[in-house]
Amino acid sequence: MNTNSQPTPKTKHRFIRLSEVMSRTGYGRTSIYRKMEDGSFPKSLKLGGPPKDPNEFDSRAIAW
């Protein structure tokens, strides 16, 4: 039995703004929100901050 085993590191996600997702995917805001609604694109996350901050996405959106 190996007592020195280390836990498997978890994948770190980087959060990006909607404008960067639009730039990387070539989709507009409406297309991205429609795809989130139908489940074909990762959902955005609200991380706090001022109410006018755009939604943010993690690196799953980049991988998509």
C-alpha atoms as a PDB file:
ATOM      1  CA  MET A   1       0.000   0.000   0.000  1.00  0.00           C
ATOM      2  CA  ASN A   2       1.371   3.397  -0.987  1.00  0.00           C
ATOM      3  CA  THR A   3       0.813   5.885   1.827  1.00  0.00           C
ATOM      4  CA  ASN A   4       2.513   8.740  -0.032  1.00  0.00           C
ATOM      5  CA  SER A   5      -0.077   9.027  -2.779  1.00  0.00           C
ATOM      6  CA  GLN A   6      -1.141  12.543  -3.672  1.00  0.00           C
ATOM      7  CA  PRO A   7      -4.679  13.512  -4.663  1.00  0.00           C
ATOM      8  CA  THR A   8      -5.279  13.997  -8.362  1.00  0.00           C
ATOM      9  CA  PRO A   9      -5.125  17.716  -9.184  1.00  0.00           C
ATOM     10  CA  LYS A  10      -8.428  19.195 -10.281  1.00  0.00           C
ATOM     11  CA  THR A  11      -8.700  20.989 -13.591  1.00  0.00           C
ATOM     12  CA  LYS A  12      -8.605  24.733 -13.138  1.00  0.00           C
ATOM     13  CA  HIS A  13     -11.071  26.716 -15.194  1.00  0.00           C
ATOM     14  CA  ARG A  14     -10.282  30.221 -16.352  1.00  0.00           C
ATOM     15  CA  PHE A  15     -13.204  32.621 -16.469  1.00  0.00           C
ATOM     16  CA  ILE A  16     -13.689  34.859 -19.493  1.00  0.00           C
ATOM     17  CA  ARG A  17     -16.174  37.546 -20.467  1.00  0.00           C
ATOM     18  CA  LEU A  18     -18.960  37.160 -22.990  1.00  0.00           C
ATOM     19  CA  SER A  19     -17.133  39.453 -25.424  1.00  0.00           C
ATOM     20  CA  GLU A  20     -14.157  37.058 -25.477  1.00  0.00           C
ATOM     21  CA  VAL A  21     -16.450  34.054 -26.002  1.00  0.00           C
ATOM     22  CA  MET A  22     -18.054  35.895 -28.928  1.00  0.00           C
ATOM     23  CA  SER A  23     -14.650  36.696 -30.391  1.00  0.00           C
ATOM     24  CA  ARG A  24     -13.348  33.131 -30.042  1.00  0.00           C
ATOM     25  CA  THR A  25     -16.476  31.357 -31.309  1.00  0.00           C
ATOM     26  CA  GLY A  26     -17.586  33.792 -33.992  1.00  0.00           C
ATOM     27  CA  TYR A  27     -21.130  33.703 -32.564  1.00  0.00           C
ATOM     28  CA  GLY A  28     -23.113  36.774 -31.570  1.00  0.00           C
ATOM     29  CA  ARG A  29     -24.696  37.335 -28.169  1.00  0.00           C
ATOM     30  CA  THR A  30     -28.135  36.061 -29.225  1.00  0.00           C
ATOM     31  CA  SER A  31     -26.737  32.877 -30.786  1.00  0.00           C
ATOM     32  CA  ILE A  32     -24.719  32.090 -27.665  1.00  0.00           C
ATOM     33  CA  TYR A  33     -27.735  32.592 -25.382  1.00  0.00           C
ATOM     34  CA  ARG A  34     -29.923  30.422 -27.645  1.00  0.00           C
ATOM     35  CA  LYS A  35     -27.309  27.664 -27.590  1.00  0.00           C
ATOM     36  CA  MET A  36     -27.076  27.907 -23.775  1.00  0.00           C
ATOM     37  CA  GLU A  37     -30.857  27.594 -23.563  1.00  0.00           C
ATOM     38  CA  ASP A  38     -31.015  24.495 -25.780  1.00  0.00           C
ATOM     39  CA  GLY A  39     -28.080  22.886 -23.949  1.00  0.00           C
ATOM     40  CA  SER A  40     -25.633  22.887 -26.855  1.00  0.00           C
ATOM     41  CA  PHE A  41     -23.257  25.411 -25.239  1.00  0.00           C
ATOM     42  CA  PRO A  42     -21.933  25.692 -21.647  1.00  0.00           C
ATOM     43  CA  LYS A  43     -24.016  27.995 -19.450  1.00  0.00           C
ATOM     44  CA  SER A  44     -22.629  31.277 -18.207  1.00  0.00           C
ATOM     45  CA  LEU A  45     -21.935  31.972 -14.560  1.00  0.00           C
ATOM     46  CA  LYS A  46     -22.637  35.149 -12.613  1.00  0.00           C
ATOM     47  CA  LEU A  47     -19.619  35.726 -10.400  1.00  0.00           C
ATOM     48  CA  GLY A  48     -20.722  38.900  -8.682  1.00  0.00           C
ATOM     49  CA  GLY A  49     -19.466  42.415  -9.055  1.00  0.00           C
ATOM     50  CA  PRO A  50     -21.443  45.390 -10.259  1.00  0.00           C
ATOM     51  CA  PRO A  51     -24.844  44.515 -11.762  1.00  0.00           C
ATOM     52  CA  LYS A  52     -23.686  45.811 -15.153  1.00  0.00           C
ATOM     53  CA  ASP A  53     -20.828  43.288 -15.384  1.00  0.00           C
ATOM     54  CA  PRO A  54     -21.452  40.867 -18.250  1.00  0.00           C
ATOM     55  CA  ASN A  55     -21.866  37.199 -17.518  1.00  0.00           C
ATOM     56  CA  GLU A  56     -18.699  35.178 -17.431  1.00  0.00           C
ATOM     57  CA  PHE A  57     -17.869  31.788 -18.854  1.00  0.00           C
ATOM     58  CA  ASP A  58     -15.293  29.253 -17.806  1.00  0.00           C
ATOM     59  CA  SER A  59     -12.805  27.448 -19.995  1.00  0.00           C
ATOM     60  CA  ARG A  60     -15.416  24.901 -21.112  1.00  0.00           C
ATOM     61  CA  ALA A  61     -16.707  27.605 -23.461  1.00  0.00           C
ATOM     62  CA  ILE A  62     -13.241  27.911 -24.978  1.00  0.00           C
ATOM     63  CA  ALA A  63     -13.004  24.140 -25.383  1.00  0.00           C
ATOM     64  CA  TRP A  64     -16.416  24.062 -27.043  1.00  0.00           C
END
